Amino acid sequence: MVKPLGSTPRLNTDVETRERILDAAHAVFLRKGTANSRTQEIADEAGVNKALVHYYFGTKAALADAVFERALGTLIPRIFGILADPSRSLEQKVRDISQEQIDFHSPRPYLAGYIVSEMHAEPARIAALFAKRGGPPLDVLRGQLKDAAQAGTIRPVAAEQFVVNLMALLVFPFALRPVLSRLLDLDAGEWAAFMDARRRLVPDFFLAGLRP
């Protein structure tokens, strides 16, 4: 089938414009958070008119979803790959997931809070975004947890509990960053140091809790 003349350049332009708007939304959300950001600010950041933002995404909520979904496309394959890797020990999986999560959320501090707020406001939409990626591959992890428990090196724990407990330790500080920064009196630099310390603290704390 012969493509119409000019179709490829138009497609490339659409993709480039859409990505530029997503990059701009990321930058504005990073500065102001999703709730305090305005579509006009995102349009200005992208160097396009506001109507074009609405043309590609419709609403700010849909744009925020697109930013989140694009980010998921970066993180989820990495986490799923770690969980499904039979060559990594349980300890290595805990340390690698901790590193990936903190590396991911540190430059995107608005995402964890956005997920929490949207889970309350629009639970079906957030659930649909996650559903597109499917559930985590837990078969390998289940086998490792079962073998370790039978060997007496860890307490019995379900794979689902293992994953949820680890993710809670890693994501919770980002979801509550505005509150924690005030409560702990941490400026931007101190917050970065605080989270850097958690790269080491969380795996050690989590693994200690698994021991019998």
N, C-alpha and C. Protein backbone atom coordinates (compact mmCIF):
# COMPACT_ATOMS: atom_id res chain seq x y z
N MET A 1 0.84 -1.20 0.00
CA MET A 1 0.00 0.00 0.00
C MET A 1 0.87 1.24 0.00
N VAL A 2 0.59 2.16 -0.93
CA VAL A 2 1.37 3.38 -1.05
C VAL A 2 0.83 4.41 -0.07
N LYS A 3 1.72 4.99 0.75
CA LYS A 3 1.31 6.00 1.71
C LYS A 3 1.07 7.32 1.00
N PRO A 4 0.07 8.07 1.43
CA PRO A 4 -0.15 9.39 0.83
C PRO A 4 1.06 10.28 1.02
N LEU A 5 1.33 11.08 0.01
CA LEU A 5 2.45 12.00 0.11
C LEU A 5 2.25 12.92 1.30
N GLY A 6 3.31 13.11 2.06
CA GLY A 6 3.25 14.04 3.19
C GLY A 6 2.76 13.41 4.47
N SER A 7 2.35 12.10 4.44
CA SER A 7 1.80 11.49 5.65
C SER A 7 2.87 11.29 6.71
N THR A 8 4.08 10.86 6.29
CA THR A 8 5.14 10.61 7.25
C THR A 8 5.61 11.89 7.93
N PRO A 9 5.89 12.96 7.19
CA PRO A 9 6.27 14.21 7.87
C PRO A 9 5.21 14.69 8.86
N ARG A 10 3.93 14.57 8.49
CA ARG A 10 2.87 14.99 9.40
C ARG A 10 2.86 14.13 10.66
N LEU A 11 3.03 12.81 10.48
CA LEU A 11 3.06 11.91 11.62
C LEU A 11 4.23 12.25 12.53
N ASN A 12 5.40 12.49 11.94
CA ASN A 12 6.57 12.85 12.73
C ASN A 12 6.34 14.13 13.50
N THR A 13 5.70 15.11 12.84
CA THR A 13 5.42 16.38 13.50
C THR A 13 4.47 16.19 14.67
N ASP A 14 3.44 15.36 14.49
CA ASP A 14 2.49 15.09 15.57
C ASP A 14 3.20 14.45 16.76
N VAL A 15 4.05 13.47 16.48
CA VAL A 15 4.76 12.78 17.56
C VAL A 15 5.69 13.74 18.29
N GLU A 16 6.41 14.55 17.52
CA GLU A 16 7.35 15.49 18.14
C GLU A 16 6.62 16.53 18.99
N THR A 17 5.49 17.02 18.49
CA THR A 17 4.72 18.01 19.24
C THR A 17 4.16 17.40 20.51
N ARG A 18 3.63 16.21 20.39
CA ARG A 18 3.07 15.54 21.57
C ARG A 18 4.15 15.31 22.63
N GLU A 19 5.33 14.86 22.19
CA GLU A 19 6.40 14.61 23.14
C GLU A 19 6.89 15.91 23.77
N ARG A 20 6.90 16.99 22.98
CA ARG A 20 7.32 18.28 23.53
C ARG A 20 6.35 18.76 24.60
N ILE A 21 5.07 18.54 24.38
CA ILE A 21 4.07 18.93 25.38
C ILE A 21 4.21 18.06 26.63
N LEU A 22 4.47 16.76 26.46
CA LEU A 22 4.68 15.89 27.61
C LEU A 22 5.92 16.31 28.41
N ASP A 23 6.99 16.66 27.71
CA ASP A 23 8.20 17.14 28.38
C ASP A 23 7.91 18.42 29.15
N ALA A 24 7.14 19.31 28.53
CA ALA A 24 6.79 20.57 29.19
C ALA A 24 5.93 20.33 30.42
N ALA A 25 4.97 19.42 30.31
CA ALA A 25 4.12 19.09 31.46
C ALA A 25 4.96 18.52 32.60
N HIS A 26 5.89 17.66 32.27
CA HIS A 26 6.80 17.11 33.29
C HIS A 26 7.54 18.24 34.00
N ALA A 27 8.06 19.20 33.24
CA ALA A 27 8.82 20.31 33.82
C ALA A 27 7.94 21.17 34.73
N VAL A 28 6.73 21.47 34.28
CA VAL A 28 5.82 22.32 35.07
C VAL A 28 5.34 21.56 36.31
N PHE A 29 4.98 20.29 36.14
CA PHE A 29 4.56 19.49 37.29
C PHE A 29 5.68 19.39 38.32
N LEU A 30 6.91 19.30 37.84
CA LEU A 30 8.06 19.21 38.74
C LEU A 30 8.19 20.47 39.58
N ARG A 31 7.93 21.62 38.97
CA ARG A 31 8.05 22.90 39.68
C ARG A 31 6.87 23.17 40.60
N LYS A 32 5.66 22.80 40.16
CA LYS A 32 4.47 23.26 40.86
C LYS A 32 3.54 22.15 41.34
N GLY A 33 3.79 20.91 40.91
CA GLY A 33 2.86 19.84 41.22
C GLY A 33 1.71 19.85 40.24
N THR A 34 0.98 18.75 40.16
CA THR A 34 -0.11 18.66 39.19
C THR A 34 -1.28 19.58 39.55
N ALA A 35 -1.62 19.64 40.83
CA ALA A 35 -2.80 20.42 41.24
C ALA A 35 -2.62 21.91 40.98
N ASN A 36 -1.41 22.43 41.15
CA ASN A 36 -1.17 23.87 41.02
C ASN A 36 -0.74 24.29 39.62
N SER A 37 -0.61 23.35 38.71
CA SER A 37 -0.18 23.68 37.35
C SER A 37 -1.38 24.07 36.50
N ARG A 38 -1.15 24.91 35.52
CA ARG A 38 -2.20 25.34 34.60
C ARG A 38 -1.82 24.97 33.17
N THR A 39 -2.85 24.69 32.38
CA THR A 39 -2.61 24.30 31.00
C THR A 39 -1.84 25.38 30.24
N GLN A 40 -2.14 26.65 30.52
CA GLN A 40 -1.45 27.73 29.84
C GLN A 40 0.05 27.71 30.15
N GLU A 41 0.40 27.40 31.38
CA GLU A 41 1.81 27.31 31.75
C GLU A 41 2.51 26.20 30.97
N ILE A 42 1.82 25.10 30.82
CA ILE A 42 2.39 23.97 30.07
C ILE A 42 2.55 24.34 28.61
N ALA A 43 1.55 25.02 28.06
CA ALA A 43 1.65 25.46 26.66
C ALA A 43 2.82 26.42 26.48
N ASP A 44 2.98 27.35 27.40
CA ASP A 44 4.09 28.30 27.32
C ASP A 44 5.43 27.58 27.40
N GLU A 45 5.52 26.60 28.28
CA GLU A 45 6.76 25.84 28.45
C GLU A 45 7.10 25.08 27.16
N ALA A 46 6.06 24.57 26.49
CA ALA A 46 6.26 23.80 25.26
C ALA A 46 6.45 24.67 24.03
N GLY A 47 6.11 25.97 24.16
CA GLY A 47 6.21 26.86 23.01
C GLY A 47 5.10 26.65 22.01
N VAL A 48 3.91 26.26 22.51
CA VAL A 48 2.76 26.07 21.63
C VAL A 48 1.59 26.84 22.22
N ASN A 49 0.50 26.97 21.45
CA ASN A 49 -0.66 27.65 22.01
C ASN A 49 -1.50 26.66 22.81
N LYS A 50 -2.31 27.19 23.69
CA LYS A 50 -3.09 26.37 24.61
C LYS A 50 -4.04 25.43 23.85
N ALA A 51 -4.56 25.91 22.73
CA ALA A 51 -5.50 25.09 21.96
C ALA A 51 -4.84 23.80 21.48
N LEU A 52 -3.54 23.87 21.20
CA LEU A 52 -2.83 22.68 20.73
C LEU A 52 -2.69 21.65 21.84
N VAL A 53 -2.51 22.10 23.06
CA VAL A 53 -2.46 21.17 24.20
C VAL A 53 -3.79 20.44 24.32
N HIS A 54 -4.89 21.19 24.19
CA HIS A 54 -6.22 20.57 24.26
C HIS A 54 -6.45 19.64 23.06
N TYR A 55 -5.90 19.99 21.91
CA TYR A 55 -6.07 19.17 20.71
C TYR A 55 -5.46 17.78 20.92
N TYR A 56 -4.27 17.74 21.52
CA TYR A 56 -3.57 16.48 21.70
C TYR A 56 -4.04 15.70 22.92
N PHE A 57 -4.46 16.41 23.98
CA PHE A 57 -4.73 15.71 25.23
C PHE A 57 -6.12 15.95 25.81
N GLY A 58 -6.81 16.97 25.36
CA GLY A 58 -8.16 17.22 25.84
C GLY A 58 -8.20 18.01 27.14
N THR A 59 -7.82 17.38 28.25
CA THR A 59 -7.88 18.03 29.55
C THR A 59 -6.53 17.91 30.26
N LYS A 60 -6.35 18.70 31.31
CA LYS A 60 -5.12 18.61 32.09
C LYS A 60 -5.01 17.25 32.76
N ALA A 61 -6.15 16.70 33.20
CA ALA A 61 -6.14 15.38 33.82
C ALA A 61 -5.65 14.32 32.84
N ALA A 62 -6.12 14.40 31.59
CA ALA A 62 -5.68 13.45 30.58
C ALA A 62 -4.20 13.63 30.27
N LEU A 63 -3.74 14.87 30.29
CA LEU A 63 -2.32 15.15 30.06
C LEU A 63 -1.49 14.56 31.21
N ALA A 64 -1.96 14.75 32.44
CA ALA A 64 -1.25 14.19 33.59
C ALA A 64 -1.21 12.66 33.49
N ASP A 65 -2.30 12.07 33.05
CA ASP A 65 -2.31 10.62 32.85
C ASP A 65 -1.26 10.20 31.82
N ALA A 66 -1.15 10.98 30.75
CA ALA A 66 -0.20 10.65 29.69
C ALA A 66 1.24 10.76 30.20
N VAL A 67 1.51 11.78 31.02
CA VAL A 67 2.84 11.92 31.62
C VAL A 67 3.12 10.70 32.51
N PHE A 68 2.12 10.34 33.30
CA PHE A 68 2.27 9.21 34.20
C PHE A 68 2.45 7.90 33.43
N GLU A 69 1.65 7.72 32.37
CA GLU A 69 1.74 6.49 31.60
C GLU A 69 3.09 6.37 30.89
N ARG A 70 3.60 7.49 30.40
CA ARG A 70 4.91 7.46 29.76
C ARG A 70 5.99 7.09 30.79
N ALA A 71 5.86 7.63 32.00
CA ALA A 71 6.80 7.30 33.06
C ALA A 71 6.71 5.82 33.43
N LEU A 72 5.48 5.29 33.48
CA LEU A 72 5.30 3.88 33.77
C LEU A 72 6.03 3.00 32.76
N GLY A 73 6.03 3.45 31.51
CA GLY A 73 6.70 2.70 30.46
C GLY A 73 8.20 2.60 30.68
N THR A 74 8.73 3.51 31.50
CA THR A 74 10.15 3.47 31.85
C THR A 74 10.39 2.57 33.05
N LEU A 75 9.56 2.72 34.07
CA LEU A 75 9.80 2.03 35.35
C LEU A 75 9.32 0.59 35.37
N ILE A 76 8.07 0.36 34.95
CA ILE A 76 7.47 -0.96 35.12
C ILE A 76 8.27 -2.08 34.47
N PRO A 77 8.75 -1.94 33.23
CA PRO A 77 9.54 -3.04 32.66
C PRO A 77 10.79 -3.36 33.47
N ARG A 78 11.40 -2.34 34.07
CA ARG A 78 12.59 -2.59 34.88
C ARG A 78 12.25 -3.37 36.14
N ILE A 79 11.18 -2.94 36.83
CA ILE A 79 10.79 -3.63 38.06
C ILE A 79 10.34 -5.05 37.75
N PHE A 80 9.53 -5.21 36.72
CA PHE A 80 9.05 -6.54 36.36
C PHE A 80 10.23 -7.44 35.96
N GLY A 81 11.20 -6.86 35.26
CA GLY A 81 12.37 -7.64 34.86
C GLY A 81 13.16 -8.14 36.05
N ILE A 82 13.28 -7.30 37.07
CA ILE A 82 13.99 -7.71 38.29
C ILE A 82 13.23 -8.83 39.00
N LEU A 83 11.91 -8.67 39.13
CA LEU A 83 11.11 -9.67 39.82
C LEU A 83 11.17 -11.03 39.13
N ALA A 84 11.20 -11.02 37.81
CA ALA A 84 11.14 -12.27 37.04
C ALA A 84 12.50 -12.90 36.80
N ASP A 85 13.58 -12.26 37.24
CA ASP A 85 14.94 -12.72 36.94
C ASP A 85 15.33 -13.83 37.92
N PRO A 86 15.48 -15.07 37.45
CA PRO A 86 15.84 -16.17 38.36
C PRO A 86 17.30 -16.12 38.81
N SER A 87 18.12 -15.34 38.13
CA SER A 87 19.55 -15.29 38.47
C SER A 87 19.83 -14.33 39.62
N ARG A 88 18.86 -13.48 40.00
CA ARG A 88 19.07 -12.55 41.11
C ARG A 88 18.52 -13.16 42.40
N SER A 89 19.31 -13.07 43.44
CA SER A 89 18.86 -13.55 44.75
C SER A 89 17.79 -12.62 45.30
N LEU A 90 17.11 -13.07 46.36
CA LEU A 90 16.12 -12.21 47.00
C LEU A 90 16.75 -10.91 47.48
N GLU A 91 17.93 -11.01 48.08
CA GLU A 91 18.60 -9.80 48.56
C GLU A 91 18.91 -8.86 47.41
N GLN A 92 19.42 -9.40 46.31
CA GLN A 92 19.75 -8.54 45.17
C GLN A 92 18.51 -7.90 44.58
N LYS A 93 17.40 -8.62 44.57
CA LYS A 93 16.15 -8.05 44.06
C LYS A 93 15.70 -6.88 44.92
N VAL A 94 15.80 -7.03 46.22
CA VAL A 94 15.41 -5.94 47.13
C VAL A 94 16.29 -4.72 46.89
N ARG A 95 17.57 -4.91 46.77
CA ARG A 95 18.49 -3.79 46.58
C ARG A 95 18.30 -3.14 45.20
N ASP A 96 18.10 -3.96 44.18
CA ASP A 96 17.94 -3.42 42.83
C ASP A 96 16.61 -2.67 42.68
N ILE A 97 15.53 -3.20 43.24
CA ILE A 97 14.24 -2.52 43.18
C ILE A 97 14.29 -1.21 43.95
N SER A 98 14.95 -1.21 45.09
CA SER A 98 15.09 0.02 45.87
C SER A 98 15.82 1.08 45.07
N GLN A 99 16.88 0.69 44.42
CA GLN A 99 17.65 1.63 43.60
C GLN A 99 16.82 2.18 42.45
N GLU A 100 16.11 1.30 41.77
CA GLU A 100 15.31 1.71 40.62
C GLU A 100 14.20 2.67 41.05
N GLN A 101 13.52 2.36 42.13
CA GLN A 101 12.40 3.20 42.57
C GLN A 101 12.87 4.60 42.98
N ILE A 102 13.93 4.67 43.75
CA ILE A 102 14.42 5.97 44.21
C ILE A 102 14.99 6.77 43.03
N ASP A 103 15.70 6.09 42.14
CA ASP A 103 16.22 6.77 40.94
C ASP A 103 15.08 7.31 40.09
N PHE A 104 13.98 6.57 40.02
CA PHE A 104 12.85 6.96 39.19
C PHE A 104 12.10 8.14 39.79
N HIS A 105 11.77 8.06 41.07
CA HIS A 105 10.92 9.09 41.68
C HIS A 105 11.67 10.37 42.03
N SER A 106 12.96 10.30 42.22
CA SER A 106 13.71 11.51 42.62
C SER A 106 13.55 12.66 41.62
N PRO A 107 13.66 12.42 40.31
CA PRO A 107 13.44 13.52 39.36
C PRO A 107 11.97 13.73 39.01
N ARG A 108 11.07 12.92 39.57
CA ARG A 108 9.63 13.03 39.30
C ARG A 108 8.87 13.06 40.62
N PRO A 109 9.14 13.98 41.51
CA PRO A 109 8.55 13.93 42.84
C PRO A 109 7.04 14.12 42.86
N TYR A 110 6.47 14.66 41.78
CA TYR A 110 5.03 14.89 41.74
C TYR A 110 4.24 13.62 41.44
N LEU A 111 4.88 12.60 40.87
CA LEU A 111 4.14 11.44 40.39
C LEU A 111 3.51 10.62 41.51
N ALA A 112 4.25 10.37 42.58
CA ALA A 112 3.70 9.56 43.67
C ALA A 112 2.50 10.24 44.30
N GLY A 113 2.60 11.55 44.53
CA GLY A 113 1.46 12.29 45.08
C GLY A 113 0.29 12.32 44.12
N TYR A 114 0.59 12.42 42.82
CA TYR A 114 -0.47 12.42 41.81
C TYR A 114 -1.22 11.09 41.82
N ILE A 115 -0.49 9.99 41.93
CA ILE A 115 -1.14 8.68 41.95
C ILE A 115 -2.08 8.57 43.15
N VAL A 116 -1.60 9.00 44.32
CA VAL A 116 -2.42 8.90 45.52
C VAL A 116 -3.68 9.76 45.40
N SER A 117 -3.52 11.00 44.95
CA SER A 117 -4.69 11.89 44.84
C SER A 117 -5.68 11.38 43.81
N GLU A 118 -5.17 10.87 42.69
CA GLU A 118 -6.06 10.37 41.65
C GLU A 118 -6.73 9.06 42.05
N MET A 119 -6.08 8.27 42.89
CA MET A 119 -6.72 7.04 43.36
C MET A 119 -7.98 7.35 44.14
N HIS A 120 -7.99 8.49 44.81
CA HIS A 120 -9.18 8.90 45.55
C HIS A 120 -10.20 9.59 44.64
N ALA A 121 -9.70 10.45 43.73
CA ALA A 121 -10.60 11.22 42.88
C ALA A 121 -11.15 10.40 41.71
N GLU A 122 -10.25 9.64 41.05
CA GLU A 122 -10.64 8.87 39.86
C GLU A 122 -10.03 7.48 39.94
N PRO A 123 -10.47 6.64 40.87
CA PRO A 123 -9.84 5.33 41.04
C PRO A 123 -9.91 4.45 39.80
N ALA A 124 -10.99 4.54 39.04
CA ALA A 124 -11.12 3.69 37.86
C ALA A 124 -10.09 4.05 36.80
N ARG A 125 -9.82 5.36 36.65
CA ARG A 125 -8.86 5.77 35.62
C ARG A 125 -7.45 5.33 35.97
N ILE A 126 -7.05 5.48 37.23
CA ILE A 126 -5.72 5.06 37.65
C ILE A 126 -5.60 3.54 37.54
N ALA A 127 -6.65 2.83 37.93
CA ALA A 127 -6.62 1.36 37.82
C ALA A 127 -6.46 0.94 36.37
N ALA A 128 -7.11 1.66 35.46
CA ALA A 128 -7.01 1.33 34.03
C ALA A 128 -5.60 1.57 33.52
N LEU A 129 -4.94 2.62 33.99
CA LEU A 129 -3.57 2.90 33.57
C LEU A 129 -2.63 1.78 33.99
N PHE A 130 -2.79 1.32 35.23
CA PHE A 130 -1.95 0.22 35.69
C PHE A 130 -2.30 -1.08 34.97
N ALA A 131 -3.58 -1.28 34.69
CA ALA A 131 -4.02 -2.52 34.07
C ALA A 131 -3.41 -2.71 32.69
N LYS A 132 -3.10 -1.63 32.00
CA LYS A 132 -2.51 -1.73 30.67
C LYS A 132 -1.16 -2.45 30.72
N ARG A 133 -0.49 -2.36 31.87
CA ARG A 133 0.83 -2.99 32.01
C ARG A 133 0.74 -4.42 32.51
N GLY A 134 -0.44 -4.85 32.96
CA GLY A 134 -0.59 -6.18 33.50
C GLY A 134 -0.04 -6.28 34.91
N GLY A 135 -0.27 -7.40 35.53
CA GLY A 135 0.20 -7.61 36.90
C GLY A 135 1.67 -7.98 36.93
N PRO A 136 2.29 -7.85 38.10
CA PRO A 136 3.71 -8.19 38.22
C PRO A 136 3.94 -9.69 38.06
N PRO A 137 5.05 -10.09 37.44
CA PRO A 137 5.36 -11.52 37.29
C PRO A 137 5.95 -12.05 38.61
N LEU A 138 5.17 -12.81 39.33
CA LEU A 138 5.56 -13.21 40.69
C LEU A 138 5.96 -14.68 40.82
N ASP A 139 5.88 -15.44 39.74
CA ASP A 139 6.13 -16.88 39.86
C ASP A 139 7.55 -17.18 40.36
N VAL A 140 8.54 -16.52 39.77
CA VAL A 140 9.92 -16.75 40.19
C VAL A 140 10.11 -16.33 41.64
N LEU A 141 9.57 -15.16 41.98
CA LEU A 141 9.68 -14.67 43.36
C LEU A 141 9.02 -15.63 44.34
N ARG A 142 7.85 -16.16 43.99
CA ARG A 142 7.17 -17.12 44.87
C ARG A 142 8.06 -18.33 45.15
N GLY A 143 8.69 -18.82 44.10
CA GLY A 143 9.57 -19.97 44.26
C GLY A 143 10.76 -19.66 45.16
N GLN A 144 11.33 -18.49 44.97
CA GLN A 144 12.48 -18.11 45.81
C GLN A 144 12.08 -17.94 47.27
N LEU A 145 10.93 -17.31 47.50
CA LEU A 145 10.46 -17.12 48.86
C LEU A 145 10.14 -18.46 49.53
N LYS A 146 9.53 -19.36 48.79
CA LYS A 146 9.20 -20.68 49.32
C LYS A 146 10.47 -21.45 49.68
N ASP A 147 11.46 -21.44 48.78
CA ASP A 147 12.72 -22.16 49.02
C ASP A 147 13.45 -21.59 50.23
N ALA A 148 13.49 -20.25 50.33
CA ALA A 148 14.19 -19.61 51.44
C ALA A 148 13.50 -19.90 52.76
N ALA A 149 12.16 -19.91 52.75
CA ALA A 149 11.42 -20.21 53.97
C ALA A 149 11.65 -21.66 54.41
N GLN A 150 11.66 -22.58 53.45
CA GLN A 150 11.90 -23.98 53.77
C GLN A 150 13.31 -24.21 54.28
N ALA A 151 14.24 -23.40 53.79
CA ALA A 151 15.64 -23.50 54.25
C ALA A 151 15.84 -22.83 55.60
N GLY A 152 14.82 -22.09 56.05
CA GLY A 152 14.91 -21.43 57.35
C GLY A 152 15.66 -20.12 57.36
N THR A 153 15.94 -19.56 56.17
CA THR A 153 16.70 -18.30 56.12
C THR A 153 15.80 -17.08 56.19
N ILE A 154 14.48 -17.25 55.90
CA ILE A 154 13.52 -16.15 56.06
C ILE A 154 12.24 -16.71 56.66
N ARG A 155 11.41 -15.82 57.18
CA ARG A 155 10.08 -16.21 57.64
C ARG A 155 9.18 -16.40 56.42
N PRO A 156 8.19 -17.25 56.49
CA PRO A 156 7.26 -17.40 55.36
C PRO A 156 6.57 -16.07 55.07
N VAL A 157 6.51 -15.70 53.79
CA VAL A 157 5.84 -14.47 53.39
C VAL A 157 5.31 -14.64 51.97
N ALA A 158 4.11 -14.16 51.73
CA ALA A 158 3.53 -14.23 50.39
C ALA A 158 4.24 -13.25 49.48
N ALA A 159 4.34 -13.58 48.20
CA ALA A 159 5.01 -12.70 47.24
C ALA A 159 4.30 -11.35 47.16
N GLU A 160 2.98 -11.37 47.23
CA GLU A 160 2.22 -10.12 47.17
C GLU A 160 2.56 -9.21 48.34
N GLN A 161 2.66 -9.78 49.54
CA GLN A 161 3.03 -9.00 50.73
C GLN A 161 4.46 -8.48 50.61
N PHE A 162 5.33 -9.30 50.11
CA PHE A 162 6.73 -8.91 49.89
C PHE A 162 6.82 -7.66 49.02
N VAL A 163 6.11 -7.69 47.89
CA VAL A 163 6.16 -6.58 46.95
C VAL A 163 5.51 -5.32 47.53
N VAL A 164 4.33 -5.47 48.12
CA VAL A 164 3.62 -4.31 48.66
C VAL A 164 4.40 -3.67 49.80
N ASN A 165 4.96 -4.46 50.69
CA ASN A 165 5.73 -3.91 51.81
C ASN A 165 6.95 -3.15 51.33
N LEU A 166 7.64 -3.70 50.35
CA LEU A 166 8.84 -3.03 49.84
C LEU A 166 8.48 -1.73 49.12
N MET A 167 7.43 -1.78 48.28
CA MET A 167 7.03 -0.59 47.55
C MET A 167 6.56 0.51 48.51
N ALA A 168 5.87 0.12 49.58
CA ALA A 168 5.39 1.12 50.53
C ALA A 168 6.55 1.88 51.16
N LEU A 169 7.59 1.17 51.54
CA LEU A 169 8.76 1.81 52.13
C LEU A 169 9.44 2.78 51.15
N LEU A 170 9.38 2.44 49.87
CA LEU A 170 10.09 3.25 48.88
C LEU A 170 9.27 4.42 48.36
N VAL A 171 7.97 4.23 48.16
CA VAL A 171 7.14 5.25 47.53
C VAL A 171 6.53 6.22 48.54
N PHE A 172 6.26 5.75 49.74
CA PHE A 172 5.60 6.58 50.75
C PHE A 172 6.27 7.94 50.95
N PRO A 173 7.59 8.02 51.11
CA PRO A 173 8.19 9.35 51.32
C PRO A 173 7.95 10.31 50.17
N PHE A 174 7.92 9.81 48.94
CA PHE A 174 7.68 10.68 47.80
C PHE A 174 6.23 11.16 47.78
N ALA A 175 5.30 10.27 48.13
CA ALA A 175 3.88 10.65 48.14
C ALA A 175 3.61 11.73 49.18
N LEU A 176 4.35 11.70 50.28
CA LEU A 176 4.13 12.66 51.37
C LEU A 176 5.25 13.69 51.46
N ARG A 177 5.98 13.87 50.38
CA ARG A 177 7.13 14.77 50.45
C ARG A 177 6.79 16.17 50.97
N PRO A 178 5.72 16.83 50.52
CA PRO A 178 5.44 18.17 51.04
C PRO A 178 5.29 18.20 52.55
N VAL A 179 4.63 17.18 53.09
CA VAL A 179 4.42 17.12 54.54
C VAL A 179 5.71 16.75 55.26
N LEU A 180 6.41 15.73 54.75
CA LEU A 180 7.63 15.28 55.41
C LEU A 180 8.71 16.36 55.39
N SER A 181 8.81 17.09 54.29
CA SER A 181 9.82 18.14 54.20
C SER A 181 9.61 19.18 55.29
N ARG A 182 8.35 19.50 55.58
CA ARG A 182 8.05 20.47 56.64
C ARG A 182 8.26 19.87 58.02
N LEU A 183 7.74 18.67 58.22
CA LEU A 183 7.86 18.04 59.53
C LEU A 183 9.31 17.81 59.93
N LEU A 184 10.12 17.41 58.94
CA LEU A 184 11.52 17.10 59.21
C LEU A 184 12.44 18.30 58.96
N ASP A 185 11.84 19.41 58.49
CA ASP A 185 12.58 20.64 58.23
C ASP A 185 13.75 20.40 57.26
N LEU A 186 13.39 19.83 56.10
CA LEU A 186 14.39 19.50 55.09
C LEU A 186 14.24 20.41 53.88
N ASP A 187 15.33 21.10 53.49
CA ASP A 187 15.29 21.85 52.24
C ASP A 187 15.58 20.88 51.09
N ALA A 188 15.67 21.39 49.87
CA ALA A 188 15.82 20.52 48.71
C ALA A 188 17.08 19.66 48.79
N GLY A 189 18.18 20.28 49.20
CA GLY A 189 19.43 19.53 49.30
C GLY A 189 19.39 18.49 50.39
N GLU A 190 18.79 18.84 51.51
CA GLU A 190 18.69 17.89 52.63
C GLU A 190 17.74 16.74 52.29
N TRP A 191 16.68 17.06 51.53
CA TRP A 191 15.76 15.99 51.08
C TRP A 191 16.50 15.00 50.19
N ALA A 192 17.31 15.51 49.26
CA ALA A 192 18.07 14.62 48.37
C ALA A 192 19.00 13.72 49.18
N ALA A 193 19.64 14.27 50.20
CA ALA A 193 20.53 13.47 51.05
C ALA A 193 19.73 12.44 51.85
N PHE A 194 18.55 12.85 52.32
CA PHE A 194 17.67 11.96 53.07
C PHE A 194 17.29 10.74 52.22
N MET A 195 16.89 10.99 50.96
CA MET A 195 16.50 9.89 50.09
C MET A 195 17.70 9.07 49.67
N ASP A 196 18.85 9.69 49.52
CA ASP A 196 20.05 8.94 49.17
C ASP A 196 20.40 7.96 50.29
N ALA A 197 20.21 8.39 51.54
CA ALA A 197 20.46 7.50 52.67
C ALA A 197 19.50 6.31 52.65
N ARG A 198 18.28 6.52 52.15
CA ARG A 198 17.30 5.44 52.11
C ARG A 198 17.65 4.37 51.08
N ARG A 199 18.51 4.70 50.13
CA ARG A 199 18.98 3.67 49.20
C ARG A 199 19.66 2.53 49.96
N ARG A 200 20.34 2.87 51.03
CA ARG A 200 21.02 1.85 51.83
C ARG A 200 20.15 1.36 52.98
N LEU A 201 19.42 2.28 53.60
CA LEU A 201 18.64 1.95 54.78
C LEU A 201 17.49 1.00 54.48
N VAL A 202 16.71 1.31 53.44
CA VAL A 202 15.51 0.52 53.17
C VAL A 202 15.83 -0.96 52.90
N PRO A 203 16.78 -1.29 52.02
CA PRO A 203 17.07 -2.72 51.81
C PRO A 203 17.52 -3.42 53.09
N ASP A 204 18.39 -2.78 53.86
CA ASP A 204 18.86 -3.42 55.10
C ASP A 204 17.70 -3.63 56.08
N PHE A 205 16.86 -2.61 56.21
CA PHE A 205 15.70 -2.68 57.12
C PHE A 205 14.73 -3.77 56.67
N PHE A 206 14.44 -3.81 55.38
CA PHE A 206 13.48 -4.77 54.83
C PHE A 206 14.00 -6.20 54.99
N LEU A 207 15.25 -6.42 54.63
CA LEU A 207 15.82 -7.76 54.71
C LEU A 207 15.92 -8.25 56.15
N ALA A 208 16.21 -7.33 57.09
CA ALA A 208 16.26 -7.71 58.51
C ALA A 208 14.89 -8.19 58.97
N GLY A 209 13.83 -7.57 58.44
CA GLY A 209 12.48 -7.96 58.82
C GLY A 209 12.07 -9.32 58.30
N LEU A 210 12.76 -9.83 57.29
CA LEU A 210 12.44 -11.16 56.75
C LEU A 210 13.10 -12.29 57.53
N ARG A 211 14.12 -11.96 58.29
CA ARG A 211 14.86 -13.03 58.97
C ARG A 211 14.00 -13.67 60.06
N PRO A 212 14.15 -14.99 60.25
CA PRO A 212 13.34 -15.69 61.25
C PRO A 212 13.73 -15.31 62.68
